[in-house]
Amino acid sequence: MAEGDLWTTADIARRLAISTERARRLCQRADFPRPVESAPFFDLWRASDVEAWLVEGRLDG
């Protein structure tokens, strides 16, 4: 992961080894990082924000 990498929901799903639908639900949680960019059909998250969220152990929370 390079500094400044941006991930789609599909990238998050691959990183977590979960379905894209499950990743979409996670991305809607109040404690999930906010997207840094939004387009009509997708959002982008900073990879480092998602990784920090994982380190905090919030996946199961």
PDB file of N, CA and C in Angstrom:
ATOM      1  N   MET A   1       0.852  -1.174   0.000  1.00  0.00           N
ATOM      2  CA  MET A   1       0.000   0.000   0.000  1.00  0.00           C
ATOM      3  C   MET A   1       0.894   1.231   0.000  1.00  0.00           C
ATOM      4  N   ALA A   2       0.749   2.038  -1.010  1.00  0.00           N
ATOM      5  CA  ALA A   2       1.514   3.271  -1.111  1.00  0.00           C
ATOM      6  C   ALA A   2       0.782   4.403  -0.409  1.00  0.00           C
ATOM      7  N   GLU A   3       1.542   5.366   0.082  1.00  0.00           N
ATOM      8  CA  GLU A   3       0.945   6.546   0.711  1.00  0.00           C
ATOM      9  C   GLU A   3      -0.001   7.213  -0.276  1.00  0.00           C
ATOM     10  N   GLY A   4      -1.195   7.479   0.152  1.00  0.00           N
ATOM     11  CA  GLY A   4      -2.157   8.154  -0.712  1.00  0.00           C
ATOM     12  C   GLY A   4      -2.993   7.235  -1.583  1.00  0.00           C
ATOM     13  N   ASP A   5      -2.810   5.915  -1.470  1.00  0.00           N
ATOM     14  CA  ASP A   5      -3.651   4.992  -2.238  1.00  0.00           C
ATOM     15  C   ASP A   5      -5.111   5.195  -1.886  1.00  0.00           C
ATOM     16  N   LEU A   6      -5.961   5.141  -2.901  1.00  0.00           N
ATOM     17  CA  LEU A   6      -7.399   5.243  -2.691  1.00  0.00           C
ATOM     18  C   LEU A   6      -8.036   3.911  -3.050  1.00  0.00           C
ATOM     19  N   TRP A   7      -8.972   3.482  -2.212  1.00  0.00           N
ATOM     20  CA  TRP A   7      -9.627   2.197  -2.401  1.00  0.00           C
ATOM     21  C   TRP A   7     -11.109   2.372  -2.692  1.00  0.00           C
ATOM     22  N   THR A   8     -11.605   1.531  -3.563  1.00  0.00           N
ATOM     23  CA  THR A   8     -13.044   1.413  -3.806  1.00  0.00           C
ATOM     24  C   THR A   8     -13.605   0.382  -2.829  1.00  0.00           C
ATOM     25  N   THR A   9     -14.899   0.205  -2.866  1.00  0.00           N
ATOM     26  CA  THR A   9     -15.526  -0.835  -2.044  1.00  0.00           C
ATOM     27  C   THR A   9     -14.980  -2.210  -2.419  1.00  0.00           C
ATOM     28  N   ALA A  10     -14.745  -2.435  -3.698  1.00  0.00           N
ATOM     29  CA  ALA A  10     -14.198  -3.721  -4.149  1.00  0.00           C
ATOM     30  C   ALA A  10     -12.791  -3.935  -3.596  1.00  0.00           C
ATOM     31  N   ASP A  11     -11.986  -2.886  -3.528  1.00  0.00           N
ATOM     32  CA  ASP A  11     -10.636  -3.002  -2.946  1.00  0.00           C
ATOM     33  C   ASP A  11     -10.720  -3.357  -1.466  1.00  0.00           C
ATOM     34  N   ILE A  12     -11.645  -2.722  -0.769  1.00  0.00           N
ATOM     35  CA  ILE A  12     -11.833  -3.013   0.655  1.00  0.00           C
ATOM     36  C   ILE A  12     -12.263  -4.468   0.829  1.00  0.00           C
ATOM     37  N   ALA A  13     -13.169  -4.927  -0.015  1.00  0.00           N
ATOM     38  CA  ALA A  13     -13.623  -6.325   0.042  1.00  0.00           C
ATOM     39  C   ALA A  13     -12.453  -7.279  -0.168  1.00  0.00           C
ATOM     40  N   ARG A  14     -11.603  -6.998  -1.146  1.00  0.00           N
ATOM     41  CA  ARG A  14     -10.438  -7.864  -1.390  1.00  0.00           C
ATOM     42  C   ARG A  14      -9.505  -7.864  -0.188  1.00  0.00           C
ATOM     43  N   ARG A  15      -9.249  -6.689   0.384  1.00  0.00           N
ATOM     44  CA  ARG A  15      -8.337  -6.574   1.524  1.00  0.00           C
ATOM     45  C   ARG A  15      -8.850  -7.376   2.717  1.00  0.00           C
ATOM     46  N   LEU A  16     -10.161  -7.370   2.910  1.00  0.00           N
ATOM     47  CA  LEU A  16     -10.749  -8.056   4.056  1.00  0.00           C
ATOM     48  C   LEU A  16     -11.185  -9.484   3.751  1.00  0.00           C
ATOM     49  N   ALA A  17     -11.057  -9.884   2.497  1.00  0.00           N
ATOM     50  CA  ALA A  17     -11.476 -11.224   2.065  1.00  0.00           C
ATOM     51  C   ALA A  17     -12.953 -11.460   2.386  1.00  0.00           C
ATOM     52  N   ILE A  18     -13.771 -10.461   2.019  1.00  0.00           N
ATOM     53  CA  ILE A  18     -15.211 -10.553   2.211  1.00  0.00           C
ATOM     54  C   ILE A  18     -15.903 -10.208   0.896  1.00  0.00           C
ATOM     55  N   SER A  19     -17.197 -10.405   0.850  1.00  0.00           N
ATOM     56  CA  SER A  19     -17.939 -10.063  -0.361  1.00  0.00           C
ATOM     57  C   SER A  19     -18.028  -8.544  -0.517  1.00  0.00           C
ATOM     58  N   THR A  20     -18.265  -8.110  -1.730  1.00  0.00           N
ATOM     59  CA  THR A  20     -18.434  -6.684  -1.983  1.00  0.00           C
ATOM     60  C   THR A  20     -19.664  -6.154  -1.252  1.00  0.00           C
ATOM     61  N   GLU A  21     -20.711  -6.961  -1.189  1.00  0.00           N
ATOM     62  CA  GLU A  21     -21.918  -6.536  -0.464  1.00  0.00           C
ATOM     63  C   GLU A  21     -21.622  -6.324   1.013  1.00  0.00           C
ATOM     64  N   ARG A  22     -20.877  -7.224   1.623  1.00  0.00           N
ATOM     65  CA  ARG A  22     -20.493  -7.067   3.039  1.00  0.00           C
ATOM     66  C   ARG A  22     -19.646  -5.807   3.205  1.00  0.00           C
ATOM     67  N   ALA A  23     -18.739  -5.548   2.274  1.00  0.00           N
ATOM     68  CA  ALA A  23     -17.913  -4.340   2.333  1.00  0.00           C
ATOM     69  C   ALA A  23     -18.786  -3.091   2.236  1.00  0.00           C
ATOM     70  N   ARG A  24     -19.792  -3.116   1.379  1.00  0.00           N
ATOM     71  CA  ARG A  24     -20.710  -1.966   1.272  1.00  0.00           C
ATOM     72  C   ARG A  24     -21.395  -1.689   2.608  1.00  0.00           C
ATOM     73  N   ARG A  25     -21.803  -2.751   3.278  1.00  0.00           N
ATOM     74  CA  ARG A  25     -22.465  -2.575   4.579  1.00  0.00           C
ATOM     75  C   ARG A  25     -21.489  -2.003   5.615  1.00  0.00           C
ATOM     76  N   LEU A  26     -20.254  -2.487   5.605  1.00  0.00           N
ATOM     77  CA  LEU A  26     -19.252  -1.955   6.527  1.00  0.00           C
ATOM     78  C   LEU A  26     -19.006  -0.465   6.276  1.00  0.00           C
ATOM     79  N   CYS A  27     -18.951  -0.098   5.018  1.00  0.00           N
ATOM     80  CA  CYS A  27     -18.662   1.294   4.648  1.00  0.00           C
ATOM     81  C   CYS A  27     -19.778   2.242   5.073  1.00  0.00           C
ATOM     82  N   GLN A  28     -20.951   1.715   5.349  1.00  0.00           N
ATOM     83  CA  GLN A  28     -22.082   2.530   5.778  1.00  0.00           C
ATOM     84  C   GLN A  28     -22.140   2.707   7.293  1.00  0.00           C
ATOM     85  N   ARG A  29     -21.293   1.990   8.010  1.00  0.00           N
ATOM     86  CA  ARG A  29     -21.293   2.095   9.468  1.00  0.00           C
ATOM     87  C   ARG A  29     -20.827   3.476   9.908  1.00  0.00           C
ATOM     88  N   ALA A  30     -21.365   3.938  11.015  1.00  0.00           N
ATOM     89  CA  ALA A  30     -21.011   5.262  11.541  1.00  0.00           C
ATOM     90  C   ALA A  30     -19.542   5.356  11.942  1.00  0.00           C
ATOM     91  N   ASP A  31     -18.948   4.224  12.367  1.00  0.00           N
ATOM     92  CA  ASP A  31     -17.554   4.266  12.811  1.00  0.00           C
ATOM     93  C   ASP A  31     -16.549   4.022  11.687  1.00  0.00           C
ATOM     94  N   PHE A  32     -17.037   3.770  10.471  1.00  0.00           N
ATOM     95  CA  PHE A  32     -16.131   3.542   9.340  1.00  0.00           C
ATOM     96  C   PHE A  32     -15.617   4.891   8.845  1.00  0.00           C
ATOM     97  N   PRO A  33     -14.367   4.940   8.372  1.00  0.00           N
ATOM     98  CA  PRO A  33     -13.842   6.216   7.858  1.00  0.00           C
ATOM     99  C   PRO A  33     -14.732   6.794   6.754  1.00  0.00           C
ATOM    100  N   ARG A  34     -14.796   8.094   6.696  1.00  0.00           N
ATOM    101  CA  ARG A  34     -15.558   8.773   5.652  1.00  0.00           C
ATOM    102  C   ARG A  34     -14.788   8.707   4.340  1.00  0.00           C
ATOM    103  N   PRO A  35     -15.490   8.576   3.219  1.00  0.00           N
ATOM    104  CA  PRO A  35     -14.798   8.590   1.918  1.00  0.00           C
ATOM    105  C   PRO A  35     -14.140   9.953   1.694  1.00  0.00           C
ATOM    106  N   VAL A  36     -13.027   9.935   0.976  1.00  0.00           N
ATOM    107  CA  VAL A  36     -12.332  11.188   0.674  1.00  0.00           C
ATOM    108  C   VAL A  36     -12.778  11.758  -0.671  1.00  0.00           C
ATOM    109  N   GLU A  37     -13.374  10.910  -1.499  1.00  0.00           N
ATOM    110  CA  GLU A  37     -13.913  11.347  -2.779  1.00  0.00           C
ATOM    111  C   GLU A  37     -15.191  10.572  -3.056  1.00  0.00           C
ATOM    112  N   SER A  38     -16.130  11.251  -3.682  1.00  0.00           N
ATOM    113  CA  SER A  38     -17.380  10.598  -4.066  1.00  0.00           C
ATOM    114  C   SER A  38     -17.695  10.922  -5.516  1.00  0.00           C
ATOM    115  N   ALA A  39     -18.195   9.924  -6.206  1.00  0.00           N
ATOM    116  CA  ALA A  39     -18.643  10.076  -7.591  1.00  0.00           C
ATOM    117  C   ALA A  39     -20.057   9.515  -7.640  1.00  0.00           C
ATOM    118  N   PRO A  40     -20.758   9.710  -8.741  1.00  0.00           N
ATOM    119  CA  PRO A  40     -22.147   9.234  -8.794  1.00  0.00           C
ATOM    120  C   PRO A  40     -22.334   7.746  -8.460  1.00  0.00           C
ATOM    121  N   PHE A  41     -21.390   6.899  -8.827  1.00  0.00           N
ATOM    122  CA  PHE A  41     -21.593   5.462  -8.636  1.00  0.00           C
ATOM    123  C   PHE A  41     -20.578   4.793  -7.720  1.00  0.00           C
ATOM    124  N   PHE A  42     -19.692   5.563  -7.113  1.00  0.00           N
ATOM    125  CA  PHE A  42     -18.729   4.958  -6.188  1.00  0.00           C
ATOM    126  C   PHE A  42     -18.108   6.015  -5.293  1.00  0.00           C
ATOM    127  N   ASP A  43     -17.573   5.538  -4.170  1.00  0.00           N
ATOM    128  CA  ASP A  43     -16.820   6.370  -3.238  1.00  0.00           C
ATOM    129  C   ASP A  43     -15.403   5.841  -3.180  1.00  0.00           C
ATOM    130  N   LEU A  44     -14.489   6.689  -2.730  1.00  0.00           N
ATOM    131  CA  LEU A  44     -13.096   6.293  -2.560  1.00  0.00           C
ATOM    132  C   LEU A  44     -12.661   6.606  -1.138  1.00  0.00           C
ATOM    133  N   TRP A  45     -11.982   5.637  -0.530  1.00  0.00           N
ATOM    134  CA  TRP A  45     -11.456   5.789   0.815  1.00  0.00           C
ATOM    135  C   TRP A  45      -9.942   5.774   0.763  1.00  0.00           C
ATOM    136  N   ARG A  46      -9.320   6.520   1.645  1.00  0.00           N
ATOM    137  CA  ARG A  46      -7.871   6.484   1.773  1.00  0.00           C
ATOM    138  C   ARG A  46      -7.508   5.137   2.403  1.00  0.00           C
ATOM    139  N   ALA A  47      -6.643   4.405   1.759  1.00  0.00           N
ATOM    140  CA  ALA A  47      -6.263   3.069   2.242  1.00  0.00           C
ATOM    141  C   ALA A  47      -5.730   3.138   3.674  1.00  0.00           C
ATOM    142  N   SER A  48      -4.959   4.156   3.981  1.00  0.00           N
ATOM    143  CA  SER A  48      -4.395   4.280   5.333  1.00  0.00           C
ATOM    144  C   SER A  48      -5.491   4.475   6.378  1.00  0.00           C
ATOM    145  N   ASP A  49      -6.588   5.146   6.019  1.00  0.00           N
ATOM    146  CA  ASP A  49      -7.709   5.317   6.952  1.00  0.00           C
ATOM    147  C   ASP A  49      -8.382   3.977   7.239  1.00  0.00           C
ATOM    148  N   VAL A  50      -8.556   3.183   6.188  1.00  0.00           N
ATOM    149  CA  VAL A  50      -9.188   1.865   6.362  1.00  0.00           C
ATOM    150  C   VAL A  50      -8.282   0.958   7.188  1.00  0.00           C
ATOM    151  N   GLU A  51      -6.984   0.985   6.900  1.00  0.00           N
ATOM    152  CA  GLU A  51      -6.033   0.162   7.665  1.00  0.00           C
ATOM    153  C   GLU A  51      -6.025   0.577   9.137  1.00  0.00           C
ATOM    154  N   ALA A  52      -6.069   1.871   9.417  1.00  0.00           N
ATOM    155  CA  ALA A  52      -6.101   2.348  10.807  1.00  0.00           C
ATOM    156  C   ALA A  52      -7.375   1.866  11.503  1.00  0.00           C
ATOM    157  N   TRP A  53      -8.479   1.894  10.786  1.00  0.00           N
ATOM    158  CA  TRP A  53      -9.753   1.404  11.318  1.00  0.00           C
ATOM    159  C   TRP A  53      -9.638  -0.067  11.682  1.00  0.00           C
ATOM    160  N   LEU A  54      -8.962  -0.836  10.833  1.00  0.00           N
ATOM    161  CA  LEU A  54      -8.763  -2.257  11.118  1.00  0.00           C
ATOM    162  C   LEU A  54      -7.891  -2.464  12.346  1.00  0.00           C
ATOM    163  N   VAL A  55      -6.823  -1.686  12.474  1.00  0.00           N
ATOM    164  CA  VAL A  55      -5.918  -1.812  13.606  1.00  0.00           C
ATOM    165  C   VAL A  55      -6.656  -1.523  14.915  1.00  0.00           C
ATOM    166  N   GLU A  56      -7.603  -0.616  14.864  1.00  0.00           N
ATOM    167  CA  GLU A  56      -8.396  -0.296  16.055  1.00  0.00           C
ATOM    168  C   GLU A  56      -9.328  -1.445  16.431  1.00  0.00           C
ATOM    169  N   GLY A  57      -9.432  -2.454  15.570  1.00  0.00           N
ATOM    170  CA  GLY A  57     -10.246  -3.626  15.884  1.00  0.00           C
ATOM    171  C   GLY A  57     -11.726  -3.406  15.728  1.00  0.00           C
ATOM    172  N   ARG A  58     -12.124  -2.530  14.847  1.00  0.00           N
ATOM    173  CA  ARG A  58     -13.540  -2.195  14.717  1.00  0.00           C
ATOM    174  C   ARG A  58     -14.311  -3.100  13.772  1.00  0.00           C
ATOM    175  N   LEU A  59     -13.643  -3.961  13.056  1.00  0.00           N
ATOM    176  CA  LEU A  59     -14.319  -4.823  12.096  1.00  0.00           C
ATOM    177  C   LEU A  59     -15.422  -5.634  12.768  1.00  0.00           C
ATOM    178  N   ASP A  60     -15.151  -6.146  13.945  1.00  0.00           N
ATOM    179  CA  ASP A  60     -16.116  -6.987  14.644  1.00  0.00           C
ATOM    180  C   ASP A  60     -17.047  -6.200  15.557  1.00  0.00           C
ATOM    181  N   GLY A  61     -16.776  -4.909  15.707  1.00  0.00           N
ATOM    182  CA  GLY A  61     -17.524  -4.094  16.672  1.00  0.00           C
ATOM    183  C   GLY A  61     -18.925  -3.781  16.330  1.00  0.00           C
TER     184      GLY A  61
END
